[in-house]
Amino acid sequence: MTTYSGHVSPGSAPAVRTLPELTITKKSVGGAYDNNAYLLRCTATGARLLIDAANDAPDLLALIGDGGLSTVVTTHRHGDHWGALAEVVAATGAESVAHEDDAPELPVVTRTVADGDTITVGAVSLEVIHLVGHTPGSIALLYRDPSGTAHLWTGDSLFPGGVGNTRGDKAAFRSLITDVTTKLFDRLPDDTWFYPGHGDDSTLGAQRPSLPEWRERGW
């Protein structure tokens, strides 16, 4: 069995992680920013949810396959995270979900969410965490595995090495570093595995010692 590492690259095979109640498939969908897309499949029901239909609609539809797709969640409004959204929704009939503050910038949204809301994929529940700064309506999704660690999809709000880009806006940075600290690091244990919108995964424990450095440097 191949050990899940969280590393994918354009043209590579997806990385698959199998949990008791959920299968996570991470796919690089290329584009100018080499975005990650994540397909979640509920073990009990077979229902599927896609996080960020970022690019390469044909590849994403091939990944989804014949099992259908119930929901697409867009983590934030930047175009590199929804380039394939309209095509994927049209092909699958999936519900399109985003935070209410970013929804007006997206091509199709059928449901808006706010902090603390729940999104389901079959029998699995994901908590919506609103993280303001990279965009006004950026969200993370949290899955608390009853038999293991927590899993967190962070979009562009948290990466190994720092929070998301706030383009030199000091107020936006203060908001983002505060939300990431209080809503993620202060709430969740070190073994929480997080999956960013670009690049490799990490754990909160691996990044926690760097929080003071990030706050001091201002980005």
N, C-alpha and C. Protein backbone atom coordinates (compact mmCIF):
# COMPACT_ATOMS: atom_id res chain seq x y z
N MET A 1 0.84 -1.19 0.00
CA MET A 1 0.00 0.00 0.00
C MET A 1 0.88 1.25 0.00
N THR A 2 0.54 2.21 -0.86
CA THR A 2 1.29 3.46 -0.91
C THR A 2 0.91 4.35 0.26
N THR A 3 1.90 4.87 0.95
CA THR A 3 1.64 5.77 2.06
C THR A 3 1.27 7.14 1.54
N TYR A 4 0.21 7.70 2.09
CA TYR A 4 -0.22 9.03 1.66
C TYR A 4 0.78 10.07 2.17
N SER A 5 1.29 10.91 1.27
CA SER A 5 2.26 11.93 1.64
C SER A 5 1.70 13.33 1.49
N GLY A 6 0.63 13.48 0.72
CA GLY A 6 0.09 14.81 0.47
C GLY A 6 0.77 15.53 -0.67
N HIS A 7 1.69 14.88 -1.37
CA HIS A 7 2.39 15.53 -2.47
C HIS A 7 1.80 15.08 -3.80
N VAL A 8 1.38 16.07 -4.62
CA VAL A 8 0.96 15.81 -5.98
C VAL A 8 1.57 16.89 -6.87
N SER A 9 1.60 16.64 -8.16
CA SER A 9 2.14 17.61 -9.10
C SER A 9 1.38 17.49 -10.41
N PRO A 10 1.46 18.51 -11.28
CA PRO A 10 0.74 18.45 -12.54
C PRO A 10 1.09 17.19 -13.33
N GLY A 11 0.09 16.47 -13.75
CA GLY A 11 0.30 15.26 -14.52
C GLY A 11 0.50 14.02 -13.70
N SER A 12 0.67 14.17 -12.37
CA SER A 12 0.89 13.00 -11.53
C SER A 12 -0.44 12.34 -11.19
N ALA A 13 -0.35 11.10 -10.73
CA ALA A 13 -1.55 10.41 -10.27
C ALA A 13 -2.06 11.09 -9.00
N PRO A 14 -3.36 11.03 -8.76
CA PRO A 14 -3.87 11.58 -7.51
C PRO A 14 -3.30 10.84 -6.30
N ALA A 15 -3.29 11.54 -5.17
CA ALA A 15 -2.91 10.92 -3.90
C ALA A 15 -4.19 10.57 -3.15
N VAL A 16 -4.27 9.34 -2.66
CA VAL A 16 -5.50 8.86 -2.04
C VAL A 16 -5.24 8.48 -0.59
N ARG A 17 -6.10 8.99 0.28
CA ARG A 17 -6.02 8.68 1.71
C ARG A 17 -7.35 8.06 2.13
N THR A 18 -7.30 6.88 2.73
CA THR A 18 -8.51 6.16 3.10
C THR A 18 -8.67 6.18 4.62
N LEU A 19 -9.75 6.80 5.07
CA LEU A 19 -10.13 6.83 6.48
C LEU A 19 -11.33 5.90 6.66
N PRO A 20 -11.66 5.54 7.89
CA PRO A 20 -12.80 4.62 8.07
C PRO A 20 -14.10 5.11 7.46
N GLU A 21 -14.38 6.42 7.53
CA GLU A 21 -15.66 6.95 7.06
C GLU A 21 -15.55 7.81 5.80
N LEU A 22 -14.31 8.08 5.37
CA LEU A 22 -14.11 9.04 4.29
C LEU A 22 -12.86 8.68 3.49
N THR A 23 -12.98 8.76 2.16
CA THR A 23 -11.81 8.63 1.30
C THR A 23 -11.50 10.00 0.72
N ILE A 24 -10.24 10.42 0.83
CA ILE A 24 -9.79 11.74 0.38
C ILE A 24 -8.88 11.52 -0.83
N THR A 25 -9.23 12.14 -1.95
CA THR A 25 -8.40 12.07 -3.15
C THR A 25 -7.94 13.47 -3.49
N LYS A 26 -6.62 13.67 -3.50
CA LYS A 26 -6.02 14.98 -3.79
C LYS A 26 -5.46 14.95 -5.20
N LYS A 27 -5.84 15.96 -5.98
CA LYS A 27 -5.44 16.02 -7.39
C LYS A 27 -4.87 17.39 -7.70
N SER A 28 -3.70 17.42 -8.33
CA SER A 28 -3.18 18.67 -8.89
C SER A 28 -3.87 18.92 -10.21
N VAL A 29 -4.49 20.09 -10.32
CA VAL A 29 -5.18 20.42 -11.57
C VAL A 29 -4.45 21.51 -12.34
N GLY A 30 -3.18 21.68 -12.04
CA GLY A 30 -2.32 22.51 -12.86
C GLY A 30 -2.77 23.95 -12.91
N GLY A 31 -2.69 24.54 -14.09
CA GLY A 31 -2.97 25.95 -14.23
C GLY A 31 -1.77 26.77 -13.81
N ALA A 32 -1.90 28.08 -13.89
CA ALA A 32 -0.77 28.96 -13.59
C ALA A 32 -0.28 28.82 -12.16
N TYR A 33 -1.17 28.42 -11.25
CA TYR A 33 -0.81 28.39 -9.83
C TYR A 33 -0.75 26.97 -9.27
N ASP A 34 -0.86 25.95 -10.11
CA ASP A 34 -0.80 24.56 -9.67
C ASP A 34 -1.72 24.32 -8.47
N ASN A 35 -3.00 24.46 -8.71
CA ASN A 35 -3.99 24.30 -7.64
C ASN A 35 -4.22 22.85 -7.26
N ASN A 36 -4.63 22.66 -6.03
CA ASN A 36 -5.10 21.37 -5.55
C ASN A 36 -6.62 21.34 -5.56
N ALA A 37 -7.18 20.20 -5.94
CA ALA A 37 -8.60 19.92 -5.78
C ALA A 37 -8.71 18.65 -4.95
N TYR A 38 -9.77 18.56 -4.14
CA TYR A 38 -9.94 17.43 -3.23
C TYR A 38 -11.32 16.82 -3.42
N LEU A 39 -11.35 15.54 -3.71
CA LEU A 39 -12.60 14.81 -3.83
C LEU A 39 -12.78 13.96 -2.57
N LEU A 40 -13.88 14.20 -1.85
CA LEU A 40 -14.18 13.45 -0.63
C LEU A 40 -15.32 12.48 -0.92
N ARG A 41 -15.15 11.23 -0.51
CA ARG A 41 -16.18 10.21 -0.74
C ARG A 41 -16.57 9.57 0.59
N CYS A 42 -17.86 9.62 0.90
CA CYS A 42 -18.39 8.99 2.11
C CYS A 42 -18.40 7.48 1.92
N THR A 43 -17.78 6.78 2.85
CA THR A 43 -17.70 5.33 2.76
C THR A 43 -19.07 4.67 2.85
N ALA A 44 -19.92 5.19 3.73
CA ALA A 44 -21.21 4.55 3.98
C ALA A 44 -22.19 4.70 2.82
N THR A 45 -22.18 5.84 2.17
CA THR A 45 -23.20 6.13 1.16
C THR A 45 -22.67 6.26 -0.26
N GLY A 46 -21.37 6.48 -0.40
CA GLY A 46 -20.80 6.72 -1.72
C GLY A 46 -20.94 8.14 -2.21
N ALA A 47 -21.58 9.00 -1.43
CA ALA A 47 -21.74 10.40 -1.83
C ALA A 47 -20.37 11.06 -1.95
N ARG A 48 -20.27 12.02 -2.89
CA ARG A 48 -19.01 12.68 -3.16
C ARG A 48 -19.16 14.19 -3.08
N LEU A 49 -18.11 14.82 -2.59
CA LEU A 49 -18.03 16.28 -2.50
C LEU A 49 -16.67 16.72 -3.02
N LEU A 50 -16.65 17.78 -3.82
CA LEU A 50 -15.41 18.31 -4.38
C LEU A 50 -15.09 19.65 -3.74
N ILE A 51 -13.86 19.80 -3.28
CA ILE A 51 -13.39 21.08 -2.76
C ILE A 51 -12.55 21.75 -3.83
N ASP A 52 -13.02 22.89 -4.32
CA ASP A 52 -12.36 23.73 -5.32
C ASP A 52 -12.26 23.07 -6.69
N ALA A 53 -13.25 23.36 -7.52
CA ALA A 53 -13.21 22.97 -8.94
C ALA A 53 -12.34 24.00 -9.65
N ALA A 54 -11.04 23.86 -9.44
CA ALA A 54 -10.11 24.94 -9.73
C ALA A 54 -9.78 25.09 -11.21
N ASN A 55 -9.64 23.98 -11.91
CA ASN A 55 -9.12 24.01 -13.28
C ASN A 55 -9.30 22.61 -13.86
N ASP A 56 -9.11 22.49 -15.17
CA ASP A 56 -9.10 21.18 -15.82
C ASP A 56 -10.39 20.40 -15.59
N ALA A 57 -11.51 20.98 -16.03
CA ALA A 57 -12.80 20.30 -15.84
C ALA A 57 -12.80 18.86 -16.35
N PRO A 58 -12.23 18.56 -17.53
CA PRO A 58 -12.25 17.16 -17.97
C PRO A 58 -11.54 16.21 -16.99
N ASP A 59 -10.42 16.65 -16.42
CA ASP A 59 -9.73 15.80 -15.45
C ASP A 59 -10.57 15.61 -14.19
N LEU A 60 -11.21 16.67 -13.74
CA LEU A 60 -12.04 16.55 -12.54
C LEU A 60 -13.24 15.65 -12.79
N LEU A 61 -13.86 15.78 -13.95
CA LEU A 61 -15.01 14.93 -14.26
C LEU A 61 -14.59 13.47 -14.40
N ALA A 62 -13.40 13.24 -14.93
CA ALA A 62 -12.88 11.87 -14.99
C ALA A 62 -12.62 11.32 -13.60
N LEU A 63 -12.12 12.18 -12.72
CA LEU A 63 -11.86 11.77 -11.33
C LEU A 63 -13.16 11.43 -10.63
N ILE A 64 -14.19 12.22 -10.85
CA ILE A 64 -15.50 11.97 -10.24
C ILE A 64 -16.10 10.68 -10.77
N GLY A 65 -15.96 10.46 -12.07
CA GLY A 65 -16.41 9.22 -12.67
C GLY A 65 -17.92 9.08 -12.69
N ASP A 66 -18.39 7.83 -12.66
CA ASP A 66 -19.82 7.54 -12.77
C ASP A 66 -20.55 7.62 -11.44
N GLY A 67 -19.84 7.89 -10.36
CA GLY A 67 -20.47 7.88 -9.04
C GLY A 67 -21.27 9.12 -8.71
N GLY A 68 -21.19 10.12 -9.58
CA GLY A 68 -21.94 11.35 -9.33
C GLY A 68 -21.24 12.26 -8.33
N LEU A 69 -21.77 13.44 -8.20
CA LEU A 69 -21.21 14.45 -7.31
C LEU A 69 -22.35 15.22 -6.67
N SER A 70 -22.37 15.27 -5.35
CA SER A 70 -23.47 15.94 -4.66
C SER A 70 -23.21 17.43 -4.47
N THR A 71 -21.94 17.79 -4.23
CA THR A 71 -21.64 19.16 -3.81
C THR A 71 -20.26 19.58 -4.29
N VAL A 72 -20.14 20.85 -4.67
CA VAL A 72 -18.84 21.49 -4.87
C VAL A 72 -18.75 22.64 -3.87
N VAL A 73 -17.69 22.65 -3.08
CA VAL A 73 -17.44 23.76 -2.16
C VAL A 73 -16.27 24.57 -2.69
N THR A 74 -16.45 25.88 -2.81
CA THR A 74 -15.39 26.78 -3.24
C THR A 74 -14.86 27.51 -2.01
N THR A 75 -13.56 27.37 -1.75
CA THR A 75 -13.01 27.92 -0.51
C THR A 75 -12.94 29.44 -0.51
N HIS A 76 -12.82 30.04 -1.69
CA HIS A 76 -12.80 31.50 -1.77
C HIS A 76 -12.94 31.95 -3.22
N ARG A 77 -13.05 33.25 -3.42
CA ARG A 77 -13.50 33.78 -4.70
C ARG A 77 -12.43 33.96 -5.76
N HIS A 78 -11.18 33.73 -5.47
CA HIS A 78 -10.14 33.95 -6.47
C HIS A 78 -10.30 32.97 -7.64
N GLY A 79 -10.12 33.50 -8.85
CA GLY A 79 -10.45 32.76 -10.05
C GLY A 79 -9.72 31.45 -10.24
N ASP A 80 -8.51 31.33 -9.68
CA ASP A 80 -7.78 30.07 -9.85
C ASP A 80 -8.39 28.94 -9.04
N HIS A 81 -9.37 29.23 -8.20
CA HIS A 81 -10.03 28.19 -7.40
C HIS A 81 -11.41 27.80 -7.93
N TRP A 82 -11.87 28.46 -8.98
CA TRP A 82 -13.19 28.09 -9.50
C TRP A 82 -13.24 28.06 -11.04
N GLY A 83 -12.11 27.96 -11.69
CA GLY A 83 -12.09 28.00 -13.15
C GLY A 83 -12.93 26.92 -13.81
N ALA A 84 -13.08 25.78 -13.16
CA ALA A 84 -13.86 24.68 -13.73
C ALA A 84 -15.23 24.52 -13.07
N LEU A 85 -15.60 25.46 -12.21
CA LEU A 85 -16.81 25.30 -11.40
C LEU A 85 -18.07 25.19 -12.25
N ALA A 86 -18.27 26.14 -13.15
CA ALA A 86 -19.50 26.13 -13.94
C ALA A 86 -19.64 24.85 -14.76
N GLU A 87 -18.54 24.41 -15.35
CA GLU A 87 -18.59 23.20 -16.18
C GLU A 87 -18.86 21.95 -15.35
N VAL A 88 -18.22 21.86 -14.18
CA VAL A 88 -18.43 20.69 -13.31
C VAL A 88 -19.87 20.66 -12.79
N VAL A 89 -20.39 21.80 -12.38
CA VAL A 89 -21.76 21.85 -11.88
C VAL A 89 -22.75 21.52 -13.00
N ALA A 90 -22.52 22.05 -14.20
CA ALA A 90 -23.42 21.76 -15.32
C ALA A 90 -23.42 20.28 -15.67
N ALA A 91 -22.25 19.64 -15.58
CA ALA A 91 -22.14 18.23 -15.97
C ALA A 91 -22.69 17.28 -14.92
N THR A 92 -22.65 17.69 -13.64
CA THR A 92 -23.01 16.78 -12.55
C THR A 92 -24.32 17.13 -11.85
N GLY A 93 -24.77 18.37 -11.99
CA GLY A 93 -25.93 18.81 -11.23
C GLY A 93 -25.65 19.04 -9.76
N ALA A 94 -24.38 19.12 -9.40
CA ALA A 94 -24.01 19.28 -7.99
C ALA A 94 -24.43 20.63 -7.44
N GLU A 95 -24.71 20.65 -6.15
CA GLU A 95 -24.92 21.89 -5.43
C GLU A 95 -23.60 22.65 -5.37
N SER A 96 -23.64 23.97 -5.52
CA SER A 96 -22.44 24.80 -5.46
C SER A 96 -22.50 25.67 -4.21
N VAL A 97 -21.53 25.52 -3.33
CA VAL A 97 -21.55 26.14 -2.00
C VAL A 97 -20.36 27.05 -1.82
N ALA A 98 -20.59 28.22 -1.25
CA ALA A 98 -19.52 29.16 -0.92
C ALA A 98 -19.98 30.05 0.22
N HIS A 99 -19.02 30.75 0.84
CA HIS A 99 -19.39 31.69 1.89
C HIS A 99 -20.16 32.85 1.29
N GLU A 100 -21.08 33.38 2.05
CA GLU A 100 -21.95 34.44 1.55
C GLU A 100 -21.18 35.69 1.14
N ASP A 101 -20.01 35.94 1.73
CA ASP A 101 -19.27 37.15 1.40
C ASP A 101 -18.48 37.05 0.10
N ASP A 102 -18.22 35.84 -0.37
CA ASP A 102 -17.49 35.65 -1.63
C ASP A 102 -18.40 35.18 -2.76
N ALA A 103 -19.59 34.74 -2.44
CA ALA A 103 -20.48 34.15 -3.43
C ALA A 103 -20.76 35.04 -4.64
N PRO A 104 -20.94 36.37 -4.45
CA PRO A 104 -21.26 37.20 -5.62
C PRO A 104 -20.18 37.21 -6.70
N GLU A 105 -18.96 36.81 -6.36
CA GLU A 105 -17.86 36.81 -7.33
C GLU A 105 -17.73 35.50 -8.09
N LEU A 106 -18.57 34.51 -7.78
CA LEU A 106 -18.46 33.19 -8.39
C LEU A 106 -19.49 33.02 -9.50
N PRO A 107 -19.20 32.16 -10.48
CA PRO A 107 -20.11 32.03 -11.62
C PRO A 107 -21.43 31.34 -11.29
N VAL A 108 -21.41 30.43 -10.32
CA VAL A 108 -22.64 29.74 -9.93
C VAL A 108 -22.54 29.36 -8.46
N VAL A 109 -23.53 29.77 -7.67
CA VAL A 109 -23.64 29.38 -6.26
C VAL A 109 -25.11 29.08 -6.00
N THR A 110 -25.39 27.91 -5.46
CA THR A 110 -26.77 27.54 -5.15
C THR A 110 -27.06 27.55 -3.65
N ARG A 111 -26.00 27.68 -2.84
CA ARG A 111 -26.20 27.74 -1.39
C ARG A 111 -25.04 28.50 -0.77
N THR A 112 -25.33 29.42 0.13
CA THR A 112 -24.28 30.13 0.84
C THR A 112 -24.22 29.63 2.27
N VAL A 113 -23.02 29.74 2.87
CA VAL A 113 -22.80 29.30 4.23
C VAL A 113 -22.09 30.39 5.02
N ALA A 114 -22.12 30.23 6.34
CA ALA A 114 -21.45 31.16 7.25
C ALA A 114 -20.69 30.35 8.29
N ASP A 115 -19.93 31.04 9.11
CA ASP A 115 -19.11 30.40 10.14
C ASP A 115 -19.96 29.51 11.04
N GLY A 116 -19.50 28.27 11.24
CA GLY A 116 -20.20 27.35 12.11
C GLY A 116 -21.24 26.49 11.43
N ASP A 117 -21.55 26.77 10.18
CA ASP A 117 -22.50 25.93 9.46
C ASP A 117 -21.90 24.55 9.19
N THR A 118 -22.76 23.64 8.80
CA THR A 118 -22.34 22.28 8.48
C THR A 118 -22.65 21.96 7.03
N ILE A 119 -21.70 21.33 6.37
CA ILE A 119 -21.89 20.79 5.03
C ILE A 119 -21.72 19.28 5.13
N THR A 120 -22.65 18.54 4.56
CA THR A 120 -22.57 17.09 4.65
C THR A 120 -22.17 16.47 3.32
N VAL A 121 -21.45 15.37 3.42
CA VAL A 121 -21.20 14.51 2.27
C VAL A 121 -21.61 13.11 2.73
N GLY A 122 -22.80 12.70 2.32
CA GLY A 122 -23.35 11.46 2.82
C GLY A 122 -23.55 11.53 4.33
N ALA A 123 -22.94 10.57 5.05
CA ALA A 123 -23.08 10.53 6.50
C ALA A 123 -22.01 11.33 7.24
N VAL A 124 -21.15 12.00 6.50
CA VAL A 124 -20.02 12.74 7.09
C VAL A 124 -20.35 14.23 7.14
N SER A 125 -20.03 14.85 8.27
CA SER A 125 -20.27 16.28 8.46
C SER A 125 -18.96 17.06 8.44
N LEU A 126 -18.99 18.20 7.76
CA LEU A 126 -17.85 19.11 7.70
C LEU A 126 -18.28 20.44 8.29
N GLU A 127 -17.47 20.97 9.20
CA GLU A 127 -17.76 22.27 9.81
C GLU A 127 -17.14 23.39 8.98
N VAL A 128 -17.91 24.43 8.73
CA VAL A 128 -17.42 25.61 8.01
C VAL A 128 -16.76 26.55 9.01
N ILE A 129 -15.52 26.95 8.71
CA ILE A 129 -14.78 27.91 9.53
C ILE A 129 -14.44 29.11 8.67
N HIS A 130 -14.97 30.27 9.03
CA HIS A 130 -14.77 31.50 8.26
C HIS A 130 -13.45 32.14 8.69
N LEU A 131 -12.57 32.39 7.73
CA LEU A 131 -11.24 32.96 7.98
C LEU A 131 -11.10 34.21 7.12
N VAL A 132 -11.18 35.37 7.74
CA VAL A 132 -11.22 36.63 6.98
C VAL A 132 -9.81 37.18 6.78
N GLY A 133 -9.48 37.52 5.55
CA GLY A 133 -8.18 38.15 5.31
C GLY A 133 -7.66 37.92 3.91
N HIS A 134 -7.53 36.65 3.51
CA HIS A 134 -7.11 36.39 2.14
C HIS A 134 -8.18 36.91 1.19
N THR A 135 -9.42 36.62 1.50
CA THR A 135 -10.59 37.26 0.91
C THR A 135 -11.60 37.45 2.04
N PRO A 136 -12.64 38.26 1.83
CA PRO A 136 -13.64 38.43 2.89
C PRO A 136 -14.39 37.15 3.23
N GLY A 137 -14.56 36.27 2.25
CA GLY A 137 -15.37 35.09 2.48
C GLY A 137 -14.62 33.78 2.41
N SER A 138 -13.33 33.78 2.72
CA SER A 138 -12.57 32.53 2.71
C SER A 138 -13.08 31.59 3.80
N ILE A 139 -13.10 30.30 3.49
CA ILE A 139 -13.50 29.31 4.48
C ILE A 139 -12.53 28.15 4.50
N ALA A 140 -12.50 27.49 5.65
CA ALA A 140 -11.86 26.18 5.80
C ALA A 140 -12.96 25.19 6.14
N LEU A 141 -12.70 23.92 5.87
CA LEU A 141 -13.64 22.85 6.21
C LEU A 141 -12.95 21.89 7.17
N LEU A 142 -13.65 21.54 8.25
CA LEU A 142 -13.08 20.68 9.29
C LEU A 142 -13.87 19.38 9.38
N TYR A 143 -13.14 18.27 9.32
CA TYR A 143 -13.72 16.96 9.56
C TYR A 143 -13.05 16.36 10.78
N ARG A 144 -13.83 16.05 11.78
CA ARG A 144 -13.32 15.41 13.00
C ARG A 144 -13.57 13.90 12.88
N ASP A 145 -12.54 13.18 12.52
CA ASP A 145 -12.64 11.74 12.35
C ASP A 145 -12.89 11.10 13.72
N PRO A 146 -14.01 10.41 13.93
CA PRO A 146 -14.29 9.83 15.25
C PRO A 146 -13.24 8.82 15.70
N SER A 147 -12.52 8.24 14.75
CA SER A 147 -11.55 7.20 15.10
C SER A 147 -10.10 7.64 14.93
N GLY A 148 -9.88 8.93 14.69
CA GLY A 148 -8.51 9.37 14.45
C GLY A 148 -8.35 10.87 14.59
N THR A 149 -7.52 11.45 13.73
CA THR A 149 -7.18 12.85 13.83
C THR A 149 -8.23 13.72 13.15
N ALA A 150 -8.13 15.01 13.38
CA ALA A 150 -8.95 15.97 12.65
C ALA A 150 -8.30 16.26 11.29
N HIS A 151 -9.13 16.59 10.31
CA HIS A 151 -8.67 16.91 8.97
C HIS A 151 -9.27 18.24 8.56
N LEU A 152 -8.44 19.09 7.96
CA LEU A 152 -8.79 20.48 7.74
C LEU A 152 -8.38 20.91 6.33
N TRP A 153 -9.34 21.41 5.56
CA TRP A 153 -9.04 21.93 4.22
C TRP A 153 -9.05 23.45 4.31
N THR A 154 -7.91 24.07 4.00
CA THR A 154 -7.71 25.47 4.36
C THR A 154 -7.73 26.44 3.20
N GLY A 155 -7.95 25.96 1.96
CA GLY A 155 -7.91 26.87 0.83
C GLY A 155 -6.59 27.62 0.79
N ASP A 156 -6.66 28.94 0.64
CA ASP A 156 -5.43 29.75 0.63
C ASP A 156 -5.25 30.53 1.92
N SER A 157 -5.90 30.10 3.00
CA SER A 157 -5.76 30.81 4.27
C SER A 157 -4.60 30.32 5.12
N LEU A 158 -4.20 29.07 4.94
CA LEU A 158 -3.08 28.52 5.71
C LEU A 158 -2.30 27.55 4.84
N PHE A 159 -0.97 27.73 4.85
CA PHE A 159 -0.03 26.87 4.15
C PHE A 159 1.08 26.45 5.10
N PRO A 160 1.83 25.40 4.77
CA PRO A 160 3.09 25.19 5.47
C PRO A 160 3.99 26.41 5.24
N GLY A 161 4.34 27.09 6.32
CA GLY A 161 5.20 28.27 6.20
C GLY A 161 4.51 29.59 6.36
N GLY A 162 3.19 29.61 6.48
CA GLY A 162 2.54 30.90 6.69
C GLY A 162 1.08 30.93 6.32
N VAL A 163 0.47 32.08 6.60
CA VAL A 163 -0.92 32.29 6.20
C VAL A 163 -0.95 32.76 4.75
N GLY A 164 -2.15 32.87 4.22
CA GLY A 164 -2.31 33.26 2.83
C GLY A 164 -1.91 34.70 2.56
N ASN A 165 -1.75 35.00 1.29
CA ASN A 165 -1.32 36.32 0.85
C ASN A 165 -2.39 37.37 1.14
N THR A 166 -2.02 38.44 1.81
CA THR A 166 -2.94 39.55 2.05
C THR A 166 -2.49 40.81 1.32
N ARG A 167 -1.57 40.63 0.37
CA ARG A 167 -1.20 41.68 -0.58
C ARG A 167 -0.78 42.99 0.08
N GLY A 168 -0.08 42.89 1.19
CA GLY A 168 0.44 44.06 1.87
C GLY A 168 -0.58 44.84 2.69
N ASP A 169 -1.81 44.36 2.75
CA ASP A 169 -2.87 45.02 3.52
C ASP A 169 -2.72 44.62 4.99
N LYS A 170 -2.26 45.55 5.82
CA LYS A 170 -1.94 45.22 7.21
C LYS A 170 -3.18 44.80 7.99
N ALA A 171 -4.31 45.46 7.73
CA ALA A 171 -5.54 45.10 8.44
C ALA A 171 -6.00 43.69 8.05
N ALA A 172 -5.88 43.37 6.75
CA ALA A 172 -6.26 42.03 6.30
C ALA A 172 -5.35 40.98 6.91
N PHE A 173 -4.05 41.27 7.00
CA PHE A 173 -3.13 40.32 7.63
C PHE A 173 -3.48 40.10 9.09
N ARG A 174 -3.72 41.19 9.82
CA ARG A 174 -4.07 41.06 11.24
C ARG A 174 -5.33 40.22 11.41
N SER A 175 -6.29 40.43 10.54
CA SER A 175 -7.51 39.64 10.61
C SER A 175 -7.24 38.17 10.35
N LEU A 176 -6.45 37.89 9.33
CA LEU A 176 -6.20 36.49 8.96
C LEU A 176 -5.36 35.78 10.01
N ILE A 177 -4.29 36.40 10.48
CA ILE A 177 -3.45 35.72 11.47
C ILE A 177 -4.23 35.50 12.77
N THR A 178 -5.12 36.43 13.10
CA THR A 178 -5.93 36.26 14.30
C THR A 178 -6.93 35.13 14.12
N ASP A 179 -7.62 35.10 12.99
CA ASP A 179 -8.58 34.02 12.77
C ASP A 179 -7.90 32.66 12.70
N VAL A 180 -6.78 32.57 12.00
CA VAL A 180 -6.07 31.30 11.92
C VAL A 180 -5.60 30.84 13.30
N THR A 181 -5.13 31.79 14.10
CA THR A 181 -4.67 31.44 15.46
C THR A 181 -5.82 30.98 16.34
N THR A 182 -6.88 31.79 16.41
CA THR A 182 -7.95 31.52 17.37
C THR A 182 -8.91 30.42 16.91
N LYS A 183 -9.17 30.35 15.61
CA LYS A 183 -10.17 29.39 15.12
C LYS A 183 -9.57 28.05 14.72
N LEU A 184 -8.26 28.03 14.46
CA LEU A 184 -7.61 26.77 14.08
C LEU A 184 -6.64 26.31 15.16
N PHE A 185 -5.53 27.04 15.36
CA PHE A 185 -4.48 26.58 16.27
C PHE A 185 -4.94 26.51 17.72
N ASP A 186 -5.77 27.45 18.16
CA ASP A 186 -6.22 27.42 19.56
C ASP A 186 -7.29 26.37 19.81
N ARG A 187 -7.95 25.90 18.77
CA ARG A 187 -9.07 24.95 18.93
C ARG A 187 -8.67 23.51 18.68
N LEU A 188 -7.67 23.31 17.82
CA LEU A 188 -7.43 21.97 17.30
C LEU A 188 -6.07 21.44 17.74
N PRO A 189 -5.94 20.13 17.88
CA PRO A 189 -4.70 19.54 18.38
C PRO A 189 -3.60 19.52 17.33
N ASP A 190 -2.39 19.24 17.80
CA ASP A 190 -1.22 19.27 16.93
C ASP A 190 -1.27 18.25 15.80
N ASP A 191 -1.96 17.13 16.01
CA ASP A 191 -1.97 16.12 14.95
C ASP A 191 -3.02 16.40 13.86
N THR A 192 -3.69 17.53 13.95
CA THR A 192 -4.64 17.92 12.89
C THR A 192 -3.89 18.06 11.57
N TRP A 193 -4.35 17.32 10.59
CA TRP A 193 -3.72 17.33 9.26
C TRP A 193 -4.44 18.35 8.41
N PHE A 194 -3.69 19.26 7.76
CA PHE A 194 -4.37 20.22 6.91
C PHE A 194 -3.91 20.13 5.46
N TYR A 195 -4.87 20.45 4.59
CA TYR A 195 -4.75 20.29 3.15
C TYR A 195 -4.95 21.67 2.51
N PRO A 196 -3.89 22.29 1.99
CA PRO A 196 -4.01 23.65 1.45
C PRO A 196 -4.43 23.67 -0.01
N GLY A 197 -4.70 24.87 -0.51
CA GLY A 197 -5.13 25.04 -1.88
C GLY A 197 -4.03 24.89 -2.91
N HIS A 198 -2.78 24.95 -2.47
CA HIS A 198 -1.62 24.76 -3.34
C HIS A 198 -0.55 24.02 -2.53
N GLY A 199 0.22 23.18 -3.17
CA GLY A 199 1.38 22.59 -2.53
C GLY A 199 1.06 21.44 -1.59
N ASP A 200 2.04 21.14 -0.74
CA ASP A 200 1.98 19.97 0.12
C ASP A 200 1.17 20.23 1.40
N ASP A 201 0.75 19.14 2.01
CA ASP A 201 0.03 19.19 3.28
C ASP A 201 0.99 19.39 4.44
N SER A 202 0.42 19.58 5.62
CA SER A 202 1.21 19.63 6.85
C SER A 202 0.28 19.33 8.03
N THR A 203 0.81 19.48 9.24
CA THR A 203 0.00 19.38 10.44
C THR A 203 0.09 20.69 11.21
N LEU A 204 -0.91 20.94 12.04
CA LEU A 204 -0.87 22.15 12.85
C LEU A 204 0.32 22.11 13.81
N GLY A 205 0.66 20.93 14.30
CA GLY A 205 1.79 20.83 15.22
C GLY A 205 3.10 21.22 14.59
N ALA A 206 3.28 20.86 13.31
CA ALA A 206 4.53 21.21 12.62
C ALA A 206 4.64 22.71 12.41
N GLN A 207 3.51 23.39 12.28
CA GLN A 207 3.52 24.82 11.99
C GLN A 207 3.37 25.70 13.23
N ARG A 208 2.86 25.16 14.31
CA ARG A 208 2.55 25.95 15.51
C ARG A 208 3.74 26.76 16.03
N PRO A 209 4.96 26.21 16.09
CA PRO A 209 6.08 27.00 16.62
C PRO A 209 6.39 28.25 15.81
N SER A 210 5.93 28.31 14.56
CA SER A 210 6.24 29.44 13.69
C SER A 210 5.24 30.59 13.80
N LEU A 211 4.16 30.40 14.55
CA LEU A 211 3.14 31.45 14.62
C LEU A 211 3.70 32.80 15.05
N PRO A 212 4.53 32.87 16.10
CA PRO A 212 5.08 34.18 16.48
C PRO A 212 5.91 34.82 15.37
N GLU A 213 6.66 34.00 14.64
CA GLU A 213 7.47 34.51 13.52
C GLU A 213 6.57 35.08 12.42
N TRP A 214 5.50 34.36 12.10
CA TRP A 214 4.59 34.86 11.06
C TRP A 214 3.98 36.20 11.46
N ARG A 215 3.54 36.28 12.71
CA ARG A 215 2.91 37.52 13.18
C ARG A 215 3.92 38.67 13.15
N GLU A 216 5.16 38.40 13.52
CA GLU A 216 6.18 39.45 13.56
C GLU A 216 6.54 39.93 12.17
N ARG A 217 6.65 39.02 11.22
CA ARG A 217 7.06 39.43 9.87
C ARG A 217 5.94 40.11 9.11
N GLY A 218 4.69 39.85 9.49
CA GLY A 218 3.58 40.57 8.88
C GLY A 218 3.07 40.00 7.58
N TRP A 219 3.43 38.74 7.28
CA TRP A 219 2.89 38.09 6.08
C TRP A 219 2.95 36.57 6.24
